[in-house]
Amino acid sequence: MTFAAAHQVTLDTSECCKCGVTFAFPWSLMRRLRENGGTFYCPSGHAQHFTVTEADRLRKLLEEANRSKTRLVDDYAQLQREHRRLQKRVSAGVCPCCNRTFTNLARHIASKHRELTP
């Protein structure tokens, strides 16, 4: 008695960086090599490897995103501090442009700093 079994394999292709030959191997092996690193060989026997694993690449992206987020939070806090300082000075009658004190700051800004008025 004989049995027939069908097995489907998805292949991924690669090109040797030394001799240029195109070859294929199972997709699951390619995924594992990209994620964890490791050496594989082309049909001509040249050793190949992925210099940056997928995990390393994603870790680097996450670190960059975290640095960017920290920088944005710090910049936002600095802008809030500056805004509060300017509000305090303006409420005390100090012109934000020429740093002089006026009893009627609105009139001074309207006459001397027209670019600031809407």
PDB file of N, CA and C in Angstrom:
ATOM      1  N   MET A   1       0.830  -1.149   0.000  1.00  0.00           N
ATOM      2  CA  MET A   1       0.000   0.000   0.000  1.00  0.00           C
ATOM      3  C   MET A   1       0.899   1.245   0.000  1.00  0.00           C
ATOM      4  N   THR A   2       0.561   2.252  -0.830  1.00  0.00           N
ATOM      5  CA  THR A   2       1.341   3.486  -0.908  1.00  0.00           C
ATOM      6  C   THR A   2       0.457   4.678  -0.548  1.00  0.00           C
ATOM      7  N   PHE A   3       1.091   5.674  -0.005  1.00  0.00           N
ATOM      8  CA  PHE A   3       0.398   6.912   0.365  1.00  0.00           C
ATOM      9  C   PHE A   3       1.074   8.081  -0.325  1.00  0.00           C
ATOM     10  N   ALA A   4       0.289   9.016  -0.740  1.00  0.00           N
ATOM     11  CA  ALA A   4       0.826  10.244  -1.330  1.00  0.00           C
ATOM     12  C   ALA A   4       0.566  11.383  -0.352  1.00  0.00           C
ATOM     13  N   ALA A   5       1.577  12.166  -0.111  1.00  0.00           N
ATOM     14  CA  ALA A   5       1.438  13.310   0.786  1.00  0.00           C
ATOM     15  C   ALA A   5       1.866  14.574   0.049  1.00  0.00           C
ATOM     16  N   ALA A   6       1.079  15.587   0.186  1.00  0.00           N
ATOM     17  CA  ALA A   6       1.417  16.873  -0.436  1.00  0.00           C
ATOM     18  C   ALA A   6       1.920  17.809   0.656  1.00  0.00           C
ATOM     19  N   HIS A   7       3.009  18.468   0.363  1.00  0.00           N
ATOM     20  CA  HIS A   7       3.593  19.396   1.323  1.00  0.00           C
ATOM     21  C   HIS A   7       3.946  20.677   0.575  1.00  0.00           C
ATOM     22  N   GLN A   8       3.437  21.791   1.069  1.00  0.00           N
ATOM     23  CA  GLN A   8       3.696  23.064   0.405  1.00  0.00           C
ATOM     24  C   GLN A   8       4.736  23.836   1.205  1.00  0.00           C
ATOM     25  N   VAL A   9       5.762  24.326   0.506  1.00  0.00           N
ATOM     26  CA  VAL A   9       6.828  25.098   1.131  1.00  0.00           C
ATOM     27  C   VAL A   9       6.933  26.430   0.406  1.00  0.00           C
ATOM     28  N   THR A  10       6.975  27.505   1.173  1.00  0.00           N
ATOM     29  CA  THR A  10       7.172  28.823   0.589  1.00  0.00           C
ATOM     30  C   THR A  10       8.669  29.121   0.605  1.00  0.00           C
ATOM     31  N   LEU A  11       9.193  29.457  -0.553  1.00  0.00           N
ATOM     32  CA  LEU A  11      10.624  29.712  -0.673  1.00  0.00           C
ATOM     33  C   LEU A  11      10.887  31.211  -0.778  1.00  0.00           C
ATOM     34  N   ASP A  12      12.000  31.605  -0.236  1.00  0.00           N
ATOM     35  CA  ASP A  12      12.447  32.989  -0.309  1.00  0.00           C
ATOM     36  C   ASP A  12      13.762  32.995  -1.082  1.00  0.00           C
ATOM     37  N   THR A  13      13.923  33.972  -1.956  1.00  0.00           N
ATOM     38  CA  THR A  13      15.135  34.000  -2.758  1.00  0.00           C
ATOM     39  C   THR A  13      16.127  35.011  -2.187  1.00  0.00           C
ATOM     40  N   SER A  14      17.382  34.745  -2.471  1.00  0.00           N
ATOM     41  CA  SER A  14      18.452  35.639  -2.062  1.00  0.00           C
ATOM     42  C   SER A  14      19.520  35.597  -3.140  1.00  0.00           C
ATOM     43  N   GLU A  15      20.382  36.590  -3.116  1.00  0.00           N
ATOM     44  CA  GLU A  15      21.474  36.648  -4.077  1.00  0.00           C
ATOM     45  C   GLU A  15      22.785  36.699  -3.311  1.00  0.00           C
ATOM     46  N   CYS A  16      23.746  35.881  -3.717  1.00  0.00           N
ATOM     47  CA  CYS A  16      25.037  35.839  -3.044  1.00  0.00           C
ATOM     48  C   CYS A  16      25.761  37.164  -3.253  1.00  0.00           C
ATOM     49  N   CYS A  17      26.291  37.699  -2.162  1.00  0.00           N
ATOM     50  CA  CYS A  17      26.977  38.986  -2.263  1.00  0.00           C
ATOM     51  C   CYS A  17      28.377  38.840  -2.864  1.00  0.00           C
ATOM     52  N   LYS A  18      28.871  37.611  -2.991  1.00  0.00           N
ATOM     53  CA  LYS A  18      30.210  37.406  -3.554  1.00  0.00           C
ATOM     54  C   LYS A  18      30.176  36.975  -5.010  1.00  0.00           C
ATOM     55  N   CYS A  19      29.329  35.984  -5.336  1.00  0.00           N
ATOM     56  CA  CYS A  19      29.336  35.478  -6.715  1.00  0.00           C
ATOM     57  C   CYS A  19      28.098  35.878  -7.509  1.00  0.00           C
ATOM     58  N   GLY A  20      27.060  36.398  -6.833  1.00  0.00           N
ATOM     59  CA  GLY A  20      25.880  36.879  -7.522  1.00  0.00           C
ATOM     60  C   GLY A  20      24.857  35.824  -7.890  1.00  0.00           C
ATOM     61  N   VAL A  21      25.066  34.564  -7.528  1.00  0.00           N
ATOM     62  CA  VAL A  21      24.118  33.511  -7.868  1.00  0.00           C
ATOM     63  C   VAL A  21      22.840  33.704  -7.032  1.00  0.00           C
ATOM     64  N   THR A  22      21.703  33.501  -7.691  1.00  0.00           N
ATOM     65  CA  THR A  22      20.424  33.581  -7.003  1.00  0.00           C
ATOM     66  C   THR A  22      20.048  32.191  -6.533  1.00  0.00           C
ATOM     67  N   PHE A  23      19.617  32.093  -5.283  1.00  0.00           N
ATOM     68  CA  PHE A  23      19.221  30.797  -4.724  1.00  0.00           C
ATOM     69  C   PHE A  23      18.015  30.988  -3.824  1.00  0.00           C
ATOM     70  N   ALA A  24      17.351  29.891  -3.482  1.00  0.00           N
ATOM     71  CA  ALA A  24      16.142  29.951  -2.668  1.00  0.00           C
ATOM     72  C   ALA A  24      16.254  28.975  -1.513  1.00  0.00           C
ATOM     73  N   PHE A  25      15.618  29.341  -0.405  1.00  0.00           N
ATOM     74  CA  PHE A  25      15.511  28.442   0.732  1.00  0.00           C
ATOM     75  C   PHE A  25      14.224  28.759   1.467  1.00  0.00           C
ATOM     76  N   PRO A  26      13.790  27.893   2.365  1.00  0.00           N
ATOM     77  CA  PRO A  26      12.486  28.066   3.002  1.00  0.00           C
ATOM     78  C   PRO A  26      12.331  29.430   3.679  1.00  0.00           C
ATOM     79  N   TRP A  27      11.135  29.993   3.545  1.00  0.00           N
ATOM     80  CA  TRP A  27      10.827  31.295   4.112  1.00  0.00           C
ATOM     81  C   TRP A  27      11.024  31.309   5.625  1.00  0.00           C
ATOM     82  N   SER A  28      10.663  30.215   6.294  1.00  0.00           N
ATOM     83  CA  SER A  28      10.798  30.151   7.758  1.00  0.00           C
ATOM     84  C   SER A  28      12.270  30.246   8.169  1.00  0.00           C
ATOM     85  N   LEU A  29      13.161  29.648   7.384  1.00  0.00           N
ATOM     86  CA  LEU A  29      14.592  29.735   7.677  1.00  0.00           C
ATOM     87  C   LEU A  29      15.078  31.177   7.473  1.00  0.00           C
ATOM     88  N   MET A  30      14.643  31.817   6.403  1.00  0.00           N
ATOM     89  CA  MET A  30      15.028  33.208   6.139  1.00  0.00           C
ATOM     90  C   MET A  30      14.552  34.106   7.279  1.00  0.00           C
ATOM     91  N   ARG A  31      13.310  33.912   7.749  1.00  0.00           N
ATOM     92  CA  ARG A  31      12.777  34.718   8.847  1.00  0.00           C
ATOM     93  C   ARG A  31      13.610  34.527  10.111  1.00  0.00           C
ATOM     94  N   ARG A  32      13.952  33.286  10.419  1.00  0.00           N
ATOM     95  CA  ARG A  32      14.747  32.990  11.608  1.00  0.00           C
ATOM     96  C   ARG A  32      16.131  33.618  11.517  1.00  0.00           C
ATOM     97  N   LEU A  33      16.749  33.552  10.337  1.00  0.00           N
ATOM     98  CA  LEU A  33      18.070  34.151  10.149  1.00  0.00           C
ATOM     99  C   LEU A  33      18.016  35.670  10.276  1.00  0.00           C
ATOM    100  N   ARG A  34      16.977  36.281   9.743  1.00  0.00           N
ATOM    101  CA  ARG A  34      16.834  37.737   9.862  1.00  0.00           C
ATOM    102  C   ARG A  34      16.607  38.156  11.306  1.00  0.00           C
ATOM    103  N   GLU A  35      15.835  37.378  12.049  1.00  0.00           N
ATOM    104  CA  GLU A  35      15.525  37.716  13.437  1.00  0.00           C
ATOM    105  C   GLU A  35      16.703  37.482  14.373  1.00  0.00           C
ATOM    106  N   ASN A  36      17.408  36.375  14.188  1.00  0.00           N
ATOM    107  CA  ASN A  36      18.427  35.965  15.155  1.00  0.00           C
ATOM    108  C   ASN A  36      19.854  36.031  14.636  1.00  0.00           C
ATOM    109  N   GLY A  37      20.029  36.285  13.364  1.00  0.00           N
ATOM    110  CA  GLY A  37      21.367  36.234  12.789  1.00  0.00           C
ATOM    111  C   GLY A  37      21.737  34.782  12.477  1.00  0.00           C
ATOM    112  N   GLY A  38      22.971  34.550  12.172  1.00  0.00           N
ATOM    113  CA  GLY A  38      23.418  33.202  11.838  1.00  0.00           C
ATOM    114  C   GLY A  38      23.973  33.153  10.429  1.00  0.00           C
ATOM    115  N   THR A  39      24.780  32.154  10.176  1.00  0.00           N
ATOM    116  CA  THR A  39      25.449  32.021   8.885  1.00  0.00           C
ATOM    117  C   THR A  39      24.708  31.030   8.007  1.00  0.00           C
ATOM    118  N   PHE A  40      24.624  31.332   6.719  1.00  0.00           N
ATOM    119  CA  PHE A  40      24.104  30.402   5.719  1.00  0.00           C
ATOM    120  C   PHE A  40      25.013  30.494   4.512  1.00  0.00           C
ATOM    121  N   TYR A  41      24.856  29.572   3.579  1.00  0.00           N
ATOM    122  CA  TYR A  41      25.796  29.467   2.465  1.00  0.00           C
ATOM    123  C   TYR A  41      25.049  29.461   1.141  1.00  0.00           C
ATOM    124  N   CYS A  42      25.665  30.080   0.139  1.00  0.00           N
ATOM    125  CA  CYS A  42      25.107  30.025  -1.207  1.00  0.00           C
ATOM    126  C   CYS A  42      25.481  28.669  -1.811  1.00  0.00           C
ATOM    127  N   PRO A  43      24.893  28.282  -2.934  1.00  0.00           N
ATOM    128  CA  PRO A  43      25.233  26.986  -3.551  1.00  0.00           C
ATOM    129  C   PRO A  43      26.709  26.854  -3.916  1.00  0.00           C
ATOM    130  N   SER A  44      27.411  27.983  -4.092  1.00  0.00           N
ATOM    131  CA  SER A  44      28.838  27.928  -4.412  1.00  0.00           C
ATOM    132  C   SER A  44      29.704  27.811  -3.162  1.00  0.00           C
ATOM    133  N   GLY A  45      29.086  27.876  -1.985  1.00  0.00           N
ATOM    134  CA  GLY A  45      29.816  27.684  -0.739  1.00  0.00           C
ATOM    135  C   GLY A  45      30.259  28.963  -0.041  1.00  0.00           C
ATOM    136  N   HIS A  46      29.834  30.114  -0.530  1.00  0.00           N
ATOM    137  CA  HIS A  46      30.210  31.370   0.118  1.00  0.00           C
ATOM    138  C   HIS A  46      29.353  31.605   1.360  1.00  0.00           C
ATOM    139  N   ALA A  47      29.997  31.930   2.460  1.00  0.00           N
ATOM    140  CA  ALA A  47      29.282  32.194   3.710  1.00  0.00           C
ATOM    141  C   ALA A  47      28.554  33.532   3.623  1.00  0.00           C
ATOM    142  N   GLN A  48      27.329  33.566   4.115  1.00  0.00           N
ATOM    143  CA  GLN A  48      26.495  34.762   4.123  1.00  0.00           C
ATOM    144  C   GLN A  48      25.936  34.932   5.538  1.00  0.00           C
ATOM    145  N   HIS A  49      25.618  36.155   5.903  1.00  0.00           N
ATOM    146  CA  HIS A  49      24.934  36.397   7.163  1.00  0.00           C
ATOM    147  C   HIS A  49      24.293  37.789   7.125  1.00  0.00           C
ATOM    148  N   PHE A  50      23.292  37.992   7.974  1.00  0.00           N
ATOM    149  CA  PHE A  50      22.659  39.297   8.106  1.00  0.00           C
ATOM    150  C   PHE A  50      23.396  40.037   9.204  1.00  0.00           C
ATOM    151  N   THR A  51      23.926  41.216   8.875  1.00  0.00           N
ATOM    152  CA  THR A  51      24.731  41.952   9.846  1.00  0.00           C
ATOM    153  C   THR A  51      23.877  42.557  10.949  1.00  0.00           C
ATOM    154  N   VAL A  52      22.656  42.973  10.629  1.00  0.00           N
ATOM    155  CA  VAL A  52      21.759  43.530  11.629  1.00  0.00           C
ATOM    156  C   VAL A  52      20.519  42.657  11.672  1.00  0.00           C
ATOM    157  N   THR A  53      20.260  42.085  12.832  1.00  0.00           N
ATOM    158  CA  THR A  53      19.081  41.234  12.952  1.00  0.00           C
ATOM    159  C   THR A  53      17.829  42.103  13.012  1.00  0.00           C
ATOM    160  N   GLU A  54      16.694  41.503  12.761  1.00  0.00           N
ATOM    161  CA  GLU A  54      15.427  42.218  12.812  1.00  0.00           C
ATOM    162  C   GLU A  54      15.175  42.759  14.219  1.00  0.00           C
ATOM    163  N   ALA A  55      15.522  41.976  15.223  1.00  0.00           N
ATOM    164  CA  ALA A  55      15.339  42.423  16.612  1.00  0.00           C
ATOM    165  C   ALA A  55      16.212  43.649  16.895  1.00  0.00           C
ATOM    166  N   ASP A  56      17.453  43.641  16.415  1.00  0.00           N
ATOM    167  CA  ASP A  56      18.336  44.799  16.611  1.00  0.00           C
ATOM    168  C   ASP A  56      17.791  46.032  15.905  1.00  0.00           C
ATOM    169  N   ARG A  57      17.291  45.847  14.700  1.00  0.00           N
ATOM    170  CA  ARG A  57      16.745  46.959  13.920  1.00  0.00           C
ATOM    171  C   ARG A  57      15.527  47.556  14.637  1.00  0.00           C
ATOM    172  N   LEU A  58      14.629  46.700  15.125  1.00  0.00           N
ATOM    173  CA  LEU A  58      13.447  47.179  15.825  1.00  0.00           C
ATOM    174  C   LEU A  58      13.810  47.830  17.157  1.00  0.00           C
ATOM    175  N   ARG A  59      14.806  47.274  17.846  1.00  0.00           N
ATOM    176  CA  ARG A  59      15.260  47.858  19.112  1.00  0.00           C
ATOM    177  C   ARG A  59      15.805  49.267  18.871  1.00  0.00           C
ATOM    178  N   LYS A  60      16.564  49.420  17.790  1.00  0.00           N
ATOM    179  CA  LYS A  60      17.122  50.730  17.460  1.00  0.00           C
ATOM    180  C   LYS A  60      16.011  51.729  17.123  1.00  0.00           C
ATOM    181  N   LEU A  61      14.998  51.290  16.375  1.00  0.00           N
ATOM    182  CA  LEU A  61      13.871  52.162  16.061  1.00  0.00           C
ATOM    183  C   LEU A  61      13.133  52.585  17.320  1.00  0.00           C
ATOM    184  N   LEU A  62      12.944  51.652  18.255  1.00  0.00           N
ATOM    185  CA  LEU A  62      12.259  51.965  19.503  1.00  0.00           C
ATOM    186  C   LEU A  62      13.063  52.971  20.333  1.00  0.00           C
ATOM    187  N   GLU A  63      14.368  52.781  20.402  1.00  0.00           N
ATOM    188  CA  GLU A  63      15.220  53.719  21.140  1.00  0.00           C
ATOM    189  C   GLU A  63      15.161  55.112  20.531  1.00  0.00           C
ATOM    190  N   GLU A  64      15.194  55.197  19.194  1.00  0.00           N
ATOM    191  CA  GLU A  64      15.100  56.496  18.518  1.00  0.00           C
ATOM    192  C   GLU A  64      13.757  57.159  18.796  1.00  0.00           C
ATOM    193  N   ALA A  65      12.679  56.370  18.776  1.00  0.00           N
ATOM    194  CA  ALA A  65      11.354  56.915  19.055  1.00  0.00           C
ATOM    195  C   ALA A  65      11.274  57.422  20.494  1.00  0.00           C
ATOM    196  N   ASN A  66      11.855  56.688  21.429  1.00  0.00           N
ATOM    197  CA  ASN A  66      11.849  57.118  22.828  1.00  0.00           C
ATOM    198  C   ASN A  66      12.657  58.395  23.021  1.00  0.00           C
ATOM    199  N   ARG A  67      13.820  58.496  22.364  1.00  0.00           N
ATOM    200  CA  ARG A  67      14.619  59.715  22.447  1.00  0.00           C
ATOM    201  C   ARG A  67      13.857  60.906  21.867  1.00  0.00           C
ATOM    202  N   SER A  68      13.189  60.676  20.744  1.00  0.00           N
ATOM    203  CA  SER A  68      12.425  61.741  20.102  1.00  0.00           C
ATOM    204  C   SER A  68      11.278  62.183  21.004  1.00  0.00           C
ATOM    205  N   LYS A  69      10.600  61.231  21.620  1.00  0.00           N
ATOM    206  CA  LYS A  69       9.501  61.556  22.525  1.00  0.00           C
ATOM    207  C   LYS A  69      10.003  62.369  23.711  1.00  0.00           C
ATOM    208  N   THR A  70      11.119  61.962  24.292  1.00  0.00           N
ATOM    209  CA  THR A  70      11.691  62.681  25.430  1.00  0.00           C
ATOM    210  C   THR A  70      12.058  64.105  25.034  1.00  0.00           C
ATOM    211  N   ARG A  71      12.663  64.235  23.857  1.00  0.00           N
ATOM    212  CA  ARG A  71      13.047  65.553  23.369  1.00  0.00           C
ATOM    213  C   ARG A  71      11.818  66.443  23.167  1.00  0.00           C
ATOM    214  N   LEU A  72      10.740  65.879  22.595  1.00  0.00           N
ATOM    215  CA  LEU A  72       9.523  66.653  22.380  1.00  0.00           C
ATOM    216  C   LEU A  72       8.870  67.061  23.696  1.00  0.00           C
ATOM    217  N   VAL A  73       8.852  66.162  24.669  1.00  0.00           N
ATOM    218  CA  VAL A  73       8.278  66.484  25.977  1.00  0.00           C
ATOM    219  C   VAL A  73       9.080  67.597  26.636  1.00  0.00           C
ATOM    220  N   ASP A  74      10.403  67.511  26.565  1.00  0.00           N
ATOM    221  CA  ASP A  74      11.261  68.555  27.145  1.00  0.00           C
ATOM    222  C   ASP A  74      11.053  69.899  26.448  1.00  0.00           C
ATOM    223  N   ASP A  75      10.971  69.872  25.114  1.00  0.00           N
ATOM    224  CA  ASP A  75      10.744  71.108  24.361  1.00  0.00           C
ATOM    225  C   ASP A  75       9.395  71.721  24.710  1.00  0.00           C
ATOM    226  N   TYR A  76       8.375  70.891  24.844  1.00  0.00           N
ATOM    227  CA  TYR A  76       7.045  71.376  25.188  1.00  0.00           C
ATOM    228  C   TYR A  76       7.049  72.005  26.582  1.00  0.00           C
ATOM    229  N   ALA A  77       7.703  71.368  27.533  1.00  0.00           N
ATOM    230  CA  ALA A  77       7.783  71.915  28.890  1.00  0.00           C
ATOM    231  C   ALA A  77       8.513  73.258  28.880  1.00  0.00           C
ATOM    232  N   GLN A  78       9.581  73.353  28.102  1.00  0.00           N
ATOM    233  CA  GLN A  78      10.321  74.618  27.992  1.00  0.00           C
ATOM    234  C   GLN A  78       9.447  75.712  27.389  1.00  0.00           C
ATOM    235  N   LEU A  79       8.678  75.377  26.359  1.00  0.00           N
ATOM    236  CA  LEU A  79       7.776  76.358  25.745  1.00  0.00           C
ATOM    237  C   LEU A  79       6.695  76.809  26.728  1.00  0.00           C
ATOM    238  N   GLN A  80       6.181  75.874  27.517  1.00  0.00           N
ATOM    239  CA  GLN A  80       5.179  76.242  28.519  1.00  0.00           C
ATOM    240  C   GLN A  80       5.769  77.200  29.556  1.00  0.00           C
ATOM    241  N   ARG A  81       6.995  76.915  30.012  1.00  0.00           N
ATOM    242  CA  ARG A  81       7.651  77.799  30.982  1.00  0.00           C
ATOM    243  C   ARG A  81       7.846  79.200  30.390  1.00  0.00           C
ATOM    244  N   GLU A  82       8.310  79.260  29.156  1.00  0.00           N
ATOM    245  CA  GLU A  82       8.535  80.541  28.486  1.00  0.00           C
ATOM    246  C   GLU A  82       7.208  81.293  28.306  1.00  0.00           C
ATOM    247  N   HIS A  83       6.155  80.573  27.946  1.00  0.00           N
ATOM    248  CA  HIS A  83       4.840  81.188  27.761  1.00  0.00           C
ATOM    249  C   HIS A  83       4.332  81.779  29.081  1.00  0.00           C
ATOM    250  N   ARG A  84       4.466  81.021  30.169  1.00  0.00           N
ATOM    251  CA  ARG A  84       4.037  81.519  31.478  1.00  0.00           C
ATOM    252  C   ARG A  84       4.843  82.760  31.892  1.00  0.00           C
ATOM    253  N   ARG A  85       6.142  82.744  31.611  1.00  0.00           N
ATOM    254  CA  ARG A  85       7.001  83.886  31.953  1.00  0.00           C
ATOM    255  C   ARG A  85       6.571  85.125  31.169  1.00  0.00           C
ATOM    256  N   LEU A  86       6.320  84.957  29.869  1.00  0.00           N
ATOM    257  CA  LEU A  86       5.885  86.089  29.046  1.00  0.00           C
ATOM    258  C   LEU A  86       4.518  86.606  29.482  1.00  0.00           C
ATOM    259  N   GLN A  87       3.613  85.689  29.824  1.00  0.00           N
ATOM    260  CA  GLN A  87       2.295  86.104  30.289  1.00  0.00           C
ATOM    261  C   GLN A  87       2.417  86.948  31.560  1.00  0.00           C
ATOM    262  N   LYS A  88       3.269  86.523  32.457  1.00  0.00           N
ATOM    263  CA  LYS A  88       3.464  87.234  33.715  1.00  0.00           C
ATOM    264  C   LYS A  88       4.035  88.633  33.449  1.00  0.00           C
ATOM    265  N   ARG A  89       5.015  88.717  32.553  1.00  0.00           N
ATOM    266  CA  ARG A  89       5.634  90.002  32.242  1.00  0.00           C
ATOM    267  C   ARG A  89       4.631  90.937  31.551  1.00  0.00           C
ATOM    268  N   VAL A  90       3.860  90.402  30.595  1.00  0.00           N
ATOM    269  CA  VAL A  90       2.885  91.223  29.879  1.00  0.00           C
ATOM    270  C   VAL A  90       1.799  91.702  30.836  1.00  0.00           C
ATOM    271  N   SER A  91       1.366  90.818  31.739  1.00  0.00           N
ATOM    272  CA  SER A  91       0.333  91.245  32.695  1.00  0.00           C
ATOM    273  C   SER A  91       0.867  92.331  33.635  1.00  0.00           C
ATOM    274  N   ALA A  92       2.174  92.409  33.795  1.00  0.00           N
ATOM    275  CA  ALA A  92       2.778  93.463  34.610  1.00  0.00           C
ATOM    276  C   ALA A  92       3.064  94.723  33.794  1.00  0.00           C
ATOM    277  N   GLY A  93       2.744  94.693  32.482  1.00  0.00           N
ATOM    278  CA  GLY A  93       2.911  95.877  31.648  1.00  0.00           C
ATOM    279  C   GLY A  93       4.243  95.959  30.931  1.00  0.00           C
ATOM    280  N   VAL A  94       5.028  94.893  30.894  1.00  0.00           N
ATOM    281  CA  VAL A  94       6.337  94.909  30.237  1.00  0.00           C
ATOM    282  C   VAL A  94       6.160  94.485  28.776  1.00  0.00           C
ATOM    283  N   CYS A  95       6.665  95.291  27.882  1.00  0.00           N
ATOM    284  CA  CYS A  95       6.588  94.988  26.443  1.00  0.00           C
ATOM    285  C   CYS A  95       7.492  93.798  26.141  1.00  0.00           C
ATOM    286  N   PRO A  96       6.981  92.755  25.459  1.00  0.00           N
ATOM    287  CA  PRO A  96       7.810  91.588  25.148  1.00  0.00           C
ATOM    288  C   PRO A  96       8.879  91.879  24.095  1.00  0.00           C
ATOM    289  N   CYS A  97       8.745  92.981  23.367  1.00  0.00           N
ATOM    290  CA  CYS A  97       9.709  93.300  22.313  1.00  0.00           C
ATOM    291  C   CYS A  97      10.842  94.192  22.812  1.00  0.00           C
ATOM    292  N   CYS A  98      10.486  95.266  23.501  1.00  0.00           N
ATOM    293  CA  CYS A  98      11.525  96.226  23.888  1.00  0.00           C
ATOM    294  C   CYS A  98      11.812  96.216  25.393  1.00  0.00           C
ATOM    295  N   ASN A  99      11.147  95.350  26.149  1.00  0.00           N
ATOM    296  CA  ASN A  99      11.398  95.155  27.581  1.00  0.00           C
ATOM    297  C   ASN A  99      11.239  96.428  28.398  1.00  0.00           C
ATOM    298  N   ARG A 100      10.387  97.338  27.959  1.00  0.00           N
ATOM    299  CA  ARG A 100      10.091  98.543  28.722  1.00  0.00           C
ATOM    300  C   ARG A 100       8.710  98.394  29.347  1.00  0.00           C
ATOM    301  N   THR A 101       8.491  99.074  30.452  1.00  0.00           N
ATOM    302  CA  THR A 101       7.213  98.990  31.147  1.00  0.00           C
ATOM    303  C   THR A 101       6.317 100.142  30.718  1.00  0.00           C
ATOM    304  N   PHE A 102       5.036  99.822  30.454  1.00  0.00           N
ATOM    305  CA  PHE A 102       4.061 100.816  30.021  1.00  0.00           C
ATOM    306  C   PHE A 102       2.783 100.656  30.833  1.00  0.00           C
ATOM    307  N   THR A 103       2.134 101.792  31.105  1.00  0.00           N
ATOM    308  CA  THR A 103       0.858 101.721  31.811  1.00  0.00           C
ATOM    309  C   THR A 103      -0.230 101.213  30.879  1.00  0.00           C
ATOM    310  N   ASN A 104      -0.138 101.551  29.588  1.00  0.00           N
ATOM    311  CA  ASN A 104      -1.095 101.052  28.605  1.00  0.00           C
ATOM    312  C   ASN A 104      -0.313 100.259  27.554  1.00  0.00           C
ATOM    313  N   LEU A 105      -0.045  99.031  27.864  1.00  0.00           N
ATOM    314  CA  LEU A 105       0.768  98.176  26.991  1.00  0.00           C
ATOM    315  C   LEU A 105       0.083  97.917  25.656  1.00  0.00           C
ATOM    316  N   ALA A 106      -1.233  97.765  25.676  1.00  0.00           N
ATOM    317  CA  ALA A 106      -1.963  97.492  24.428  1.00  0.00           C
ATOM    318  C   ALA A 106      -1.791  98.639  23.443  1.00  0.00           C
ATOM    319  N   ARG A 107      -1.882  99.882  23.919  1.00  0.00           N
ATOM    320  CA  ARG A 107      -1.711 101.042  23.030  1.00  0.00           C
ATOM    321  C   ARG A 107      -0.284 101.098  22.488  1.00  0.00           C
ATOM    322  N   HIS A 108       0.700 100.814  23.345  1.00  0.00           N
ATOM    323  CA  HIS A 108       2.097 100.806  22.910  1.00  0.00           C
ATOM    324  C   HIS A 108       2.322  99.764  21.814  1.00  0.00           C
ATOM    325  N   ILE A 109       1.822  98.561  22.001  1.00  0.00           N
ATOM    326  CA  ILE A 109       2.011  97.491  21.003  1.00  0.00           C
ATOM    327  C   ILE A 109       1.311  97.859  19.703  1.00  0.00           C
ATOM    328  N   ALA A 110       0.114  98.419  19.796  1.00  0.00           N
ATOM    329  CA  ALA A 110      -0.621  98.800  18.584  1.00  0.00           C
ATOM    330  C   ALA A 110       0.099  99.897  17.809  1.00  0.00           C
ATOM    331  N   SER A 111       0.787 100.795  18.509  1.00  0.00           N
ATOM    332  CA  SER A 111       1.443 101.890  17.802  1.00  0.00           C
ATOM    333  C   SER A 111       2.885 101.573  17.397  1.00  0.00           C
ATOM    334  N   LYS A 112       3.622 100.840  18.200  1.00  0.00           N
ATOM    335  CA  LYS A 112       5.049 100.604  17.933  1.00  0.00           C
ATOM    336  C   LYS A 112       5.374  99.222  17.358  1.00  0.00           C
ATOM    337  N   HIS A 113       4.523  98.266  17.593  1.00  0.00           N
ATOM    338  CA  HIS A 113       4.800  96.890  17.139  1.00  0.00           C
ATOM    339  C   HIS A 113       3.581  96.357  16.381  1.00  0.00           C
ATOM    340  N   ARG A 114       3.265  96.978  15.286  1.00  0.00           N
ATOM    341  CA  ARG A 114       2.069  96.610  14.513  1.00  0.00           C
ATOM    342  C   ARG A 114       2.113  95.179  13.983  1.00  0.00           C
ATOM    343  N   GLU A 115       3.305  94.635  13.796  1.00  0.00           N
ATOM    344  CA  GLU A 115       3.406  93.255  13.290  1.00  0.00           C
ATOM    345  C   GLU A 115       2.863  92.234  14.276  1.00  0.00           C
ATOM    346  N   LEU A 116       2.723  92.616  15.551  1.00  0.00           N
ATOM    347  CA  LEU A 116       2.200  91.699  16.573  1.00  0.00           C
ATOM    348  C   LEU A 116       0.687  91.749  16.680  1.00  0.00           C
ATOM    349  N   THR A 117       0.067  92.780  16.142  1.00  0.00           N
ATOM    350  CA  THR A 117      -1.385  92.887  16.242  1.00  0.00           C
ATOM    351  C   THR A 117      -2.046  92.111  15.118  1.00  0.00           C
ATOM    352  N   PRO A 118      -3.182  91.480  15.426  1.00  0.00           N
ATOM    353  CA  PRO A 118      -3.853  90.661  14.388  1.00  0.00           C
ATOM    354  C   PRO A 118      -4.518  91.465  13.309  1.00  0.00           C
TER     355      PRO A 118
END
